[in-house]
Amino acid sequence: MSKNEKKNRYIFIYATFPSKKSASRTAEKLIQKKLAVCANIRKHDAVYVWEGRLYKEKEFGALFKTREDRWKKAEKFILKKHPYETPVILKININDGNAGFQKWVDGGLD
């Protein structure tokens, strides 16, 4: 995929964090570095297995709005700064989006 093709593809990055502070700090840095234009952060209950044990905890999920051409740098930044040993960092492709959204994302990243 060429650089131009990546620039024209929009994505969400989803990651979970142990605290609102860590999610917010990551969001602020990604936006300052022009790796994302927005983050939606929500508190939720997490039920998961880790090393054979069942856990029930509060977590904060963050949905970052960005483009494909920012994915690798954003993923690397989140991995480097994330407090979890094995964080979830997912790239979600957006197949369709309104022109106003795309223009807003482009304006925040360029």
Protein backbone atom coordinates (compact mmCIF):
# COMPACT_ATOMS: atom_id res chain seq x y z
CA MET A 1 0.00 0.00 0.00
CA SER A 2 1.42 3.35 -1.01
CA LYS A 3 1.80 6.30 1.34
CA ASN A 4 -1.08 8.07 -0.43
CA GLU A 5 -3.35 5.03 -0.07
CA LYS A 6 -2.58 4.86 3.67
CA LYS A 7 -3.30 8.56 4.02
CA ASN A 8 -6.76 8.01 2.55
CA ARG A 9 -7.70 5.14 4.91
CA TYR A 10 -9.22 5.92 8.29
CA ILE A 11 -8.97 3.73 11.36
CA PHE A 12 -9.84 3.50 15.03
CA ILE A 13 -7.27 2.23 17.50
CA TYR A 14 -8.76 0.53 20.54
CA ALA A 15 -6.75 0.00 23.71
CA THR A 16 -7.58 -0.67 27.35
CA PHE A 17 -5.92 0.90 30.38
CA PRO A 18 -5.96 0.28 34.14
CA SER A 19 -6.86 3.88 35.00
CA LYS A 20 -8.48 6.95 33.53
CA LYS A 21 -5.23 8.82 34.15
CA SER A 22 -3.14 6.42 32.03
CA ALA A 23 -5.74 6.42 29.22
CA SER A 24 -5.99 10.23 29.27
CA ARG A 25 -2.23 10.72 29.36
CA THR A 26 -1.80 8.41 26.37
CA ALA A 27 -4.60 10.19 24.50
CA GLU A 28 -3.08 13.62 25.11
CA LYS A 29 0.34 12.51 23.89
CA LEU A 30 -1.01 10.79 20.77
CA ILE A 31 -2.96 13.92 19.87
CA GLN A 32 -0.01 16.23 20.59
CA LYS A 33 2.21 14.07 18.37
CA LYS A 34 -0.45 14.13 15.60
CA LEU A 35 -0.84 10.36 15.78
CA ALA A 36 -4.57 10.72 16.53
CA VAL A 37 -7.11 13.52 16.44
CA CYS A 38 -9.48 12.39 19.16
CA ALA A 39 -9.94 9.81 21.89
CA ASN A 40 -13.12 8.57 23.51
CA ILE A 41 -12.45 7.08 26.94
CA ARG A 42 -15.02 4.94 28.77
CA LYS A 43 -14.96 3.09 32.07
CA HIS A 44 -16.09 -0.51 31.86
CA ASP A 45 -16.06 -3.81 33.69
CA ALA A 46 -13.50 -6.28 32.45
CA VAL A 47 -13.74 -10.03 32.98
CA TYR A 48 -10.71 -11.89 31.67
CA VAL A 49 -8.27 -14.74 32.19
CA TRP A 50 -4.61 -13.98 32.88
CA GLU A 51 -2.10 -16.75 33.60
CA GLY A 52 -4.91 -19.23 34.24
CA ARG A 53 -6.80 -17.07 36.74
CA LEU A 54 -10.14 -15.29 36.29
CA TYR A 55 -10.16 -11.56 37.02
CA LYS A 56 -12.97 -9.01 37.36
CA GLU A 57 -11.75 -5.42 37.36
CA LYS A 58 -12.54 -1.92 36.23
CA GLU A 59 -10.72 -0.77 33.10
CA PHE A 60 -10.82 2.19 30.77
CA GLY A 61 -11.21 1.60 27.06
CA ALA A 62 -9.91 4.24 24.67
CA LEU A 63 -10.96 4.60 21.05
CA PHE A 64 -8.50 6.75 19.11
CA LYS A 65 -9.52 8.25 15.76
CA THR A 66 -6.74 8.42 13.17
CA ARG A 67 -5.50 7.24 9.77
CA GLU A 68 -3.67 4.17 8.53
CA ASP A 69 -0.47 6.16 7.92
CA ARG A 70 -0.26 6.86 11.69
CA TRP A 71 -0.93 3.27 12.84
CA LYS A 72 2.61 1.91 13.28
CA LYS A 73 3.92 4.99 15.14
CA ALA A 74 0.82 5.11 17.35
CA GLU A 75 1.05 1.39 18.14
CA LYS A 76 4.75 1.71 18.99
CA PHE A 77 4.08 4.71 21.26
CA ILE A 78 1.25 2.97 23.11
CA LEU A 79 3.35 -0.18 23.60
CA LYS A 80 6.30 1.83 24.91
CA LYS A 81 4.24 3.81 27.44
CA HIS A 82 1.57 1.28 28.42
CA PRO A 83 1.52 0.06 32.06
CA TYR A 84 0.23 -3.45 31.18
CA GLU A 85 2.68 -6.24 30.43
CA THR A 86 0.53 -7.36 27.50
CA PRO A 87 -1.82 -4.56 26.44
CA VAL A 88 -4.56 -4.95 23.87
CA ILE A 89 -4.00 -2.56 20.95
CA LEU A 90 -6.34 -3.15 18.04
CA LYS A 91 -6.53 -1.47 14.65
CA ILE A 92 -10.09 -1.24 13.38
CA ASN A 93 -10.49 -0.32 9.72
CA ILE A 94 -13.23 2.12 8.86
CA ASN A 95 -14.75 1.07 5.56
CA ASP A 96 -17.07 4.03 5.27
CA GLY A 97 -17.17 7.44 6.87
CA ASN A 98 -18.81 10.74 6.14
CA ALA A 99 -16.77 13.35 4.29
CA GLY A 100 -16.93 15.78 7.23
CA PHE A 101 -15.32 13.20 9.54
CA GLN A 102 -12.56 12.50 7.03
CA LYS A 103 -11.88 16.20 6.52
CA TRP A 104 -11.71 16.72 10.30
CA VAL A 105 -9.25 13.82 10.75
CA ASP A 106 -7.06 15.07 7.90
CA GLY A 107 -7.09 18.60 9.27
CA GLY A 108 -5.90 17.40 12.67
CA LEU A 109 -3.13 15.19 11.34
CA ASP A 110 -1.63 17.25 8.51
